[in-house]
N, C-alpha and C. Protein backbone atom coordinates (compact mmCIF):
# COMPACT_ATOMS: atom_id res chain seq x y z
N UNK A 1 2.78 -3.13 -21.98
CA UNK A 1 3.55 -2.86 -20.78
C UNK A 1 4.16 -4.17 -20.30
N UNK A 2 5.43 -4.11 -19.90
CA UNK A 2 6.11 -5.30 -19.40
C UNK A 2 5.49 -5.75 -18.09
N UNK A 3 5.46 -7.06 -17.87
CA UNK A 3 4.86 -7.60 -16.66
C UNK A 3 5.56 -7.09 -15.41
N UNK A 4 6.86 -6.86 -15.48
CA UNK A 4 7.61 -6.38 -14.32
C UNK A 4 7.25 -4.94 -13.96
N UNK A 5 6.54 -4.24 -14.83
CA UNK A 5 6.17 -2.84 -14.58
C UNK A 5 4.78 -2.69 -13.99
N UNK A 6 4.21 -3.75 -13.48
CA UNK A 6 2.84 -3.70 -13.01
C UNK A 6 2.71 -3.54 -11.50
N UNK A 7 3.77 -3.30 -10.81
CA UNK A 7 3.75 -3.18 -9.36
C UNK A 7 3.30 -1.78 -8.94
N UNK A 8 2.54 -1.71 -7.84
CA UNK A 8 2.13 -0.43 -7.27
C UNK A 8 2.36 -0.45 -5.76
N UNK A 9 2.54 0.72 -5.20
CA UNK A 9 2.59 0.91 -3.75
C UNK A 9 1.24 1.48 -3.37
N UNK A 10 0.69 1.02 -2.25
CA UNK A 10 -0.63 1.51 -1.84
C UNK A 10 -0.63 1.83 -0.35
N UNK A 11 -1.52 2.74 0.02
CA UNK A 11 -1.72 3.11 1.42
C UNK A 11 -3.15 2.80 1.81
N UNK A 12 -3.31 2.19 2.97
CA UNK A 12 -4.63 1.87 3.50
C UNK A 12 -4.83 2.61 4.82
N UNK A 13 -6.06 3.06 5.05
CA UNK A 13 -6.44 3.62 6.35
C UNK A 13 -7.13 2.49 7.10
N UNK A 14 -6.57 2.12 8.25
CA UNK A 14 -7.15 1.05 9.07
C UNK A 14 -8.23 1.64 9.97
N UNK A 15 -9.04 0.78 10.56
CA UNK A 15 -10.15 1.21 11.42
C UNK A 15 -9.65 2.00 12.63
N UNK A 16 -8.42 1.74 13.08
CA UNK A 16 -7.88 2.47 14.23
C UNK A 16 -7.14 3.75 13.82
N UNK A 17 -7.34 4.17 12.56
CA UNK A 17 -6.78 5.41 11.99
C UNK A 17 -5.28 5.32 11.67
N UNK A 18 -4.67 4.15 11.78
CA UNK A 18 -3.28 4.01 11.37
C UNK A 18 -3.24 3.83 9.86
N UNK A 19 -2.04 3.99 9.29
CA UNK A 19 -1.85 3.85 7.85
C UNK A 19 -0.95 2.65 7.60
N UNK A 20 -1.40 1.79 6.71
CA UNK A 20 -0.63 0.61 6.30
C UNK A 20 -0.10 0.86 4.89
N UNK A 21 1.16 0.51 4.66
CA UNK A 21 1.79 0.66 3.36
C UNK A 21 2.16 -0.71 2.83
N UNK A 22 1.84 -0.96 1.55
CA UNK A 22 2.18 -2.25 0.95
C UNK A 22 2.42 -2.14 -0.54
N UNK A 23 2.84 -3.25 -1.13
CA UNK A 23 3.05 -3.33 -2.58
C UNK A 23 2.27 -4.52 -3.12
N UNK A 24 1.84 -4.41 -4.37
CA UNK A 24 1.09 -5.49 -4.99
C UNK A 24 1.09 -5.33 -6.50
N UNK A 25 0.67 -6.40 -7.17
CA UNK A 25 0.46 -6.36 -8.61
C UNK A 25 -1.03 -6.27 -8.93
N UNK A 26 -1.89 -6.58 -7.97
CA UNK A 26 -3.34 -6.58 -8.18
C UNK A 26 -4.01 -5.90 -6.98
N UNK A 27 -4.25 -4.61 -7.09
CA UNK A 27 -4.73 -3.82 -5.96
C UNK A 27 -6.12 -4.24 -5.50
N UNK A 28 -7.03 -4.54 -6.41
CA UNK A 28 -8.39 -4.95 -6.01
C UNK A 28 -8.36 -6.24 -5.21
N UNK A 29 -7.61 -7.20 -5.69
CA UNK A 29 -7.50 -8.50 -5.01
C UNK A 29 -6.84 -8.33 -3.65
N UNK A 30 -5.84 -7.47 -3.58
CA UNK A 30 -5.10 -7.28 -2.32
C UNK A 30 -5.98 -6.61 -1.26
N UNK A 31 -6.76 -5.60 -1.64
CA UNK A 31 -7.65 -4.94 -0.67
C UNK A 31 -8.71 -5.91 -0.18
N UNK A 32 -9.25 -6.72 -1.07
CA UNK A 32 -10.23 -7.72 -0.67
C UNK A 32 -9.61 -8.70 0.33
N UNK A 33 -8.38 -9.10 0.09
CA UNK A 33 -7.69 -10.01 1.01
C UNK A 33 -7.46 -9.34 2.36
N UNK A 34 -7.09 -8.07 2.34
CA UNK A 34 -6.92 -7.34 3.61
C UNK A 34 -8.23 -7.35 4.39
N UNK A 35 -9.33 -7.03 3.74
CA UNK A 35 -10.61 -6.94 4.43
C UNK A 35 -11.17 -8.30 4.84
N UNK A 36 -10.66 -9.38 4.27
CA UNK A 36 -11.03 -10.73 4.72
C UNK A 36 -10.14 -11.17 5.88
N UNK A 37 -9.09 -10.39 6.16
CA UNK A 37 -8.18 -10.73 7.26
C UNK A 37 -7.11 -11.74 6.90
N UNK A 38 -6.83 -11.90 5.59
CA UNK A 38 -5.85 -12.90 5.17
C UNK A 38 -4.63 -12.31 4.47
N UNK A 39 -4.52 -11.01 4.40
CA UNK A 39 -3.42 -10.40 3.65
C UNK A 39 -2.25 -9.98 4.53
N UNK A 40 -2.52 -9.56 5.74
CA UNK A 40 -1.48 -9.00 6.59
C UNK A 40 -1.83 -9.17 8.06
N UNK A 41 -0.86 -9.58 8.84
CA UNK A 41 -1.07 -9.71 10.28
C UNK A 41 -1.41 -8.34 10.88
N UNK A 42 -0.77 -7.29 10.38
CA UNK A 42 -1.00 -5.94 10.91
C UNK A 42 -2.45 -5.51 10.71
N UNK A 43 -2.97 -5.67 9.50
CA UNK A 43 -4.33 -5.19 9.23
C UNK A 43 -5.41 -6.12 9.76
N UNK A 44 -5.07 -7.37 10.01
CA UNK A 44 -6.06 -8.35 10.47
C UNK A 44 -6.83 -7.87 11.69
N UNK A 45 -6.15 -7.23 12.62
CA UNK A 45 -6.80 -6.74 13.83
C UNK A 45 -7.28 -5.30 13.73
N UNK A 46 -7.23 -4.73 12.54
CA UNK A 46 -7.59 -3.33 12.35
C UNK A 46 -8.59 -3.15 11.21
N UNK A 47 -9.49 -4.08 11.07
CA UNK A 47 -10.46 -4.05 9.97
C UNK A 47 -11.66 -3.20 10.30
N UNK A 48 -12.32 -2.65 9.32
CA UNK A 48 -12.02 -2.73 7.88
C UNK A 48 -10.94 -1.72 7.49
N UNK A 49 -10.37 -1.93 6.31
CA UNK A 49 -9.39 -0.99 5.77
C UNK A 49 -9.99 -0.29 4.57
N UNK A 50 -9.48 0.91 4.31
CA UNK A 50 -9.96 1.71 3.18
C UNK A 50 -8.75 2.21 2.39
N UNK A 51 -8.82 2.13 1.08
CA UNK A 51 -7.73 2.58 0.22
C UNK A 51 -7.61 4.10 0.28
N UNK A 52 -6.39 4.58 0.57
CA UNK A 52 -6.13 6.02 0.60
C UNK A 52 -5.47 6.51 -0.68
N UNK A 53 -4.48 5.76 -1.17
CA UNK A 53 -3.72 6.22 -2.34
C UNK A 53 -3.00 5.04 -2.98
N UNK A 54 -2.74 5.18 -4.28
CA UNK A 54 -2.02 4.17 -5.05
C UNK A 54 -1.02 4.88 -5.94
N UNK A 55 0.17 4.32 -6.05
CA UNK A 55 1.20 4.90 -6.92
C UNK A 55 0.91 4.55 -8.37
N UNK A 56 1.70 5.12 -9.25
CA UNK A 56 1.65 4.71 -10.66
C UNK A 56 2.36 3.36 -10.78
N UNK A 57 2.20 2.71 -11.91
CA UNK A 57 2.87 1.42 -12.14
C UNK A 57 4.38 1.61 -12.18
N UNK A 58 5.08 0.65 -11.61
CA UNK A 58 6.54 0.67 -11.59
C UNK A 58 7.03 -0.77 -11.53
N UNK A 59 8.33 -0.95 -11.65
CA UNK A 59 8.84 -2.32 -11.53
C UNK A 59 8.94 -2.69 -10.05
N UNK A 60 9.18 -3.96 -9.79
CA UNK A 60 9.17 -4.48 -8.42
C UNK A 60 10.21 -3.78 -7.54
N UNK A 61 11.40 -3.60 -8.05
CA UNK A 61 12.46 -2.96 -7.27
C UNK A 61 12.08 -1.53 -6.89
N UNK A 62 11.55 -0.78 -7.83
CA UNK A 62 11.12 0.59 -7.54
C UNK A 62 10.02 0.60 -6.49
N UNK A 63 9.07 -0.32 -6.61
CA UNK A 63 7.96 -0.38 -5.67
C UNK A 63 8.44 -0.71 -4.26
N UNK A 64 9.34 -1.67 -4.14
CA UNK A 64 9.85 -2.04 -2.82
C UNK A 64 10.66 -0.90 -2.19
N UNK A 65 11.42 -0.20 -3.00
CA UNK A 65 12.18 0.95 -2.47
C UNK A 65 11.25 2.07 -2.01
N UNK A 66 10.22 2.35 -2.79
CA UNK A 66 9.25 3.38 -2.42
C UNK A 66 8.50 2.97 -1.16
N UNK A 67 8.12 1.72 -1.05
CA UNK A 67 7.43 1.23 0.15
C UNK A 67 8.29 1.46 1.39
N UNK A 68 9.54 1.09 1.31
CA UNK A 68 10.46 1.27 2.44
C UNK A 68 10.61 2.74 2.80
N UNK A 69 10.76 3.59 1.78
CA UNK A 69 10.88 5.03 2.00
C UNK A 69 9.64 5.58 2.73
N UNK A 70 8.46 5.20 2.26
CA UNK A 70 7.21 5.69 2.84
C UNK A 70 7.03 5.18 4.27
N UNK A 71 7.39 3.95 4.52
CA UNK A 71 7.24 3.39 5.86
C UNK A 71 8.07 4.14 6.90
N UNK A 72 9.14 4.77 6.47
CA UNK A 72 10.01 5.52 7.39
C UNK A 72 9.50 6.94 7.67
N UNK A 73 8.53 7.40 6.90
CA UNK A 73 8.02 8.76 7.05
C UNK A 73 7.01 8.86 8.19
N UNK A 74 6.85 10.06 8.76
CA UNK A 74 5.78 10.28 9.74
C UNK A 74 4.42 10.14 9.05
N UNK A 75 3.42 9.79 9.80
CA UNK A 75 2.07 9.53 9.29
C UNK A 75 1.56 10.63 8.37
N UNK A 76 1.77 11.88 8.73
CA UNK A 76 1.24 13.00 7.97
C UNK A 76 1.88 13.22 6.61
N UNK A 77 3.02 12.60 6.35
CA UNK A 77 3.73 12.84 5.09
C UNK A 77 3.64 11.67 4.11
N UNK A 78 3.01 10.58 4.51
CA UNK A 78 2.99 9.38 3.67
C UNK A 78 2.20 9.57 2.38
N UNK A 79 1.01 10.11 2.47
CA UNK A 79 0.18 10.29 1.27
C UNK A 79 0.84 11.27 0.31
N UNK A 80 1.35 12.35 0.84
CA UNK A 80 2.03 13.36 0.01
C UNK A 80 3.22 12.75 -0.71
N UNK A 81 4.00 11.92 -0.03
CA UNK A 81 5.16 11.28 -0.65
C UNK A 81 4.75 10.34 -1.78
N UNK A 82 3.67 9.62 -1.59
CA UNK A 82 3.21 8.69 -2.62
C UNK A 82 2.71 9.43 -3.85
N UNK A 83 2.05 10.54 -3.64
CA UNK A 83 1.53 11.32 -4.77
C UNK A 83 2.63 11.93 -5.61
N UNK A 84 3.78 12.22 -5.01
CA UNK A 84 4.90 12.80 -5.74
C UNK A 84 5.61 11.78 -6.63
N UNK A 85 5.45 10.52 -6.35
CA UNK A 85 6.18 9.47 -7.10
C UNK A 85 5.40 9.00 -8.29
């Protein structure tokens, strides 16, 4: 698999029940960073976070477009949208 095809979009459930959407190449490392409070200003004050869903592997451009699309959706439709991609 090409290195550019290793990007994923992920959804996290924060402690305050909000959903965070992000992209990464290493999901395990990124979740650990979120839970240490060093990955995102948004999640830093909403710890701990729990992984809700992860997309299939895609290239960086596809992942960033999907992230933007999901961020615009209402909370109830985010997981469903990620599963369809």
